[in-house]
Amino acid sequence: MPKTKTISGAKKRFVLTGSGKIKRKQAFKRHILTKKTTKQKRRLTGFSLVAKTDERNVKLMLCMK
């Protein structure tokens, strides 16, 4: 059986925490920022965690299972 390859788009987008959770960047912070409020842009800064329902798919893309 050949080794499975990590999806390169996934390894650029997701980071594994020490406790095994997966961090991701917030969406909607790339362009068309003039119509968004400062509060909204500030909330979108930083990382958030991948939802429980998507964790299995992300781990498969990162070849962790």
C-alpha atoms as a PDB file:
ATOM      1  CA  MET A   1       0.000   0.000   0.000  1.00  0.00           C
ATOM      2  CA  PRO A   2       1.541   3.381  -0.955  1.00  0.00           C
ATOM      3  CA  LYS A   3       1.879   6.166   1.554  1.00  0.00           C
ATOM      4  CA  THR A   4      -0.878   8.769   1.549  1.00  0.00           C
ATOM      5  CA  LYS A   5       0.115  12.315   0.697  1.00  0.00           C
ATOM      6  CA  THR A   6      -0.822  15.347   2.744  1.00  0.00           C
ATOM      7  CA  ILE A   7      -2.958  17.809   0.791  1.00  0.00           C
ATOM      8  CA  SER A   8      -0.675  20.807   0.391  1.00  0.00           C
ATOM      9  CA  GLY A   9      -3.523  23.329   0.604  1.00  0.00           C
ATOM     10  CA  ALA A  10      -4.487  21.911   3.996  1.00  0.00           C
ATOM     11  CA  LYS A  11      -1.005  22.061   5.489  1.00  0.00           C
ATOM     12  CA  LYS A  12      -0.837  25.757   4.581  1.00  0.00           C
ATOM     13  CA  ARG A  13      -4.193  26.531   6.217  1.00  0.00           C
ATOM     14  CA  PHE A  14      -4.379  24.508   9.425  1.00  0.00           C
ATOM     15  CA  VAL A  15      -2.219  24.344  12.573  1.00  0.00           C
ATOM     16  CA  LEU A  16      -2.381  21.634  15.205  1.00  0.00           C
ATOM     17  CA  THR A  17      -2.482  22.722  18.859  1.00  0.00           C
ATOM     18  CA  GLY A  18      -0.833  20.889  21.725  1.00  0.00           C
ATOM     19  CA  SER A  19      -4.127  19.434  22.894  1.00  0.00           C
ATOM     20  CA  GLY A  20      -4.900  17.996  19.445  1.00  0.00           C
ATOM     21  CA  LYS A  21      -7.371  20.621  18.255  1.00  0.00           C
ATOM     22  CA  ILE A  22      -7.008  22.285  14.863  1.00  0.00           C
ATOM     23  CA  LYS A  23      -6.649  26.046  14.472  1.00  0.00           C
ATOM     24  CA  ARG A  24      -7.681  27.967  11.375  1.00  0.00           C
ATOM     25  CA  LYS A  25      -7.733  31.572  10.212  1.00  0.00           C
ATOM     26  CA  GLN A  26     -11.005  33.496  10.134  1.00  0.00           C
ATOM     27  CA  ALA A  27     -12.604  34.031   6.730  1.00  0.00           C
ATOM     28  CA  PHE A  28     -13.859  37.310   5.204  1.00  0.00           C
ATOM     29  CA  LYS A  29     -10.751  39.380   6.024  1.00  0.00           C
ATOM     30  CA  ARG A  30      -9.052  39.413   2.587  1.00  0.00           C
ATOM     31  CA  HIS A  31     -10.786  42.043   0.455  1.00  0.00           C
ATOM     32  CA  ILE A  32     -13.824  44.322   0.292  1.00  0.00           C
ATOM     33  CA  LEU A  33     -12.903  45.663   3.723  1.00  0.00           C
ATOM     34  CA  THR A  34     -14.164  49.223   3.228  1.00  0.00           C
ATOM     35  CA  LYS A  35     -17.814  48.292   3.767  1.00  0.00           C
ATOM     36  CA  LYS A  36     -17.108  46.209   6.861  1.00  0.00           C
ATOM     37  CA  THR A  37     -17.146  47.898  10.253  1.00  0.00           C
ATOM     38  CA  THR A  38     -14.012  48.204  12.363  1.00  0.00           C
ATOM     39  CA  LYS A  39     -15.600  45.986  15.014  1.00  0.00           C
ATOM     40  CA  GLN A  40     -16.300  43.264  12.454  1.00  0.00           C
ATOM     41  CA  LYS A  41     -12.742  43.393  11.067  1.00  0.00           C
ATOM     42  CA  ARG A  42     -11.287  43.250  14.571  1.00  0.00           C
ATOM     43  CA  ARG A  43     -13.387  40.167  15.405  1.00  0.00           C
ATOM     44  CA  LEU A  44     -12.145  38.430  12.268  1.00  0.00           C
ATOM     45  CA  THR A  45      -8.493  38.902  13.267  1.00  0.00           C
ATOM     46  CA  GLY A  46      -6.679  35.921  14.718  1.00  0.00           C
ATOM     47  CA  PHE A  47      -7.422  32.224  14.836  1.00  0.00           C
ATOM     48  CA  SER A  48     -10.417  30.110  15.709  1.00  0.00           C
ATOM     49  CA  LEU A  49     -10.887  26.371  16.051  1.00  0.00           C
ATOM     50  CA  VAL A  50     -12.192  24.006  13.400  1.00  0.00           C
ATOM     51  CA  ALA A  51     -15.696  22.747  14.162  1.00  0.00           C
ATOM     52  CA  LYS A  52     -16.107  19.233  15.545  1.00  0.00           C
ATOM     53  CA  THR A  53     -18.011  18.157  12.424  1.00  0.00           C
ATOM     54  CA  ASP A  54     -15.119  19.187  10.150  1.00  0.00           C
ATOM     55  CA  GLU A  55     -12.265  17.875  12.305  1.00  0.00           C
ATOM     56  CA  ARG A  56     -12.357  14.374  10.817  1.00  0.00           C
ATOM     57  CA  ASN A  57     -12.098  15.685   7.244  1.00  0.00           C
ATOM     58  CA  VAL A  58      -9.233  18.032   8.091  1.00  0.00           C
ATOM     59  CA  LYS A  59      -7.324  15.266   9.861  1.00  0.00           C
ATOM     60  CA  LEU A  60      -7.758  13.047   6.802  1.00  0.00           C
ATOM     61  CA  MET A  61      -6.371  15.835   4.598  1.00  0.00           C
ATOM     62  CA  LEU A  62      -3.388  16.192   6.951  1.00  0.00           C
ATOM     63  CA  CYS A  63      -2.874  12.402   6.985  1.00  0.00           C
ATOM     64  CA  MET A  64      -3.315  12.185  10.736  1.00  0.00           C
ATOM     65  CA  LYS A  65      -5.714   9.221  10.738  1.00  0.00           C
END
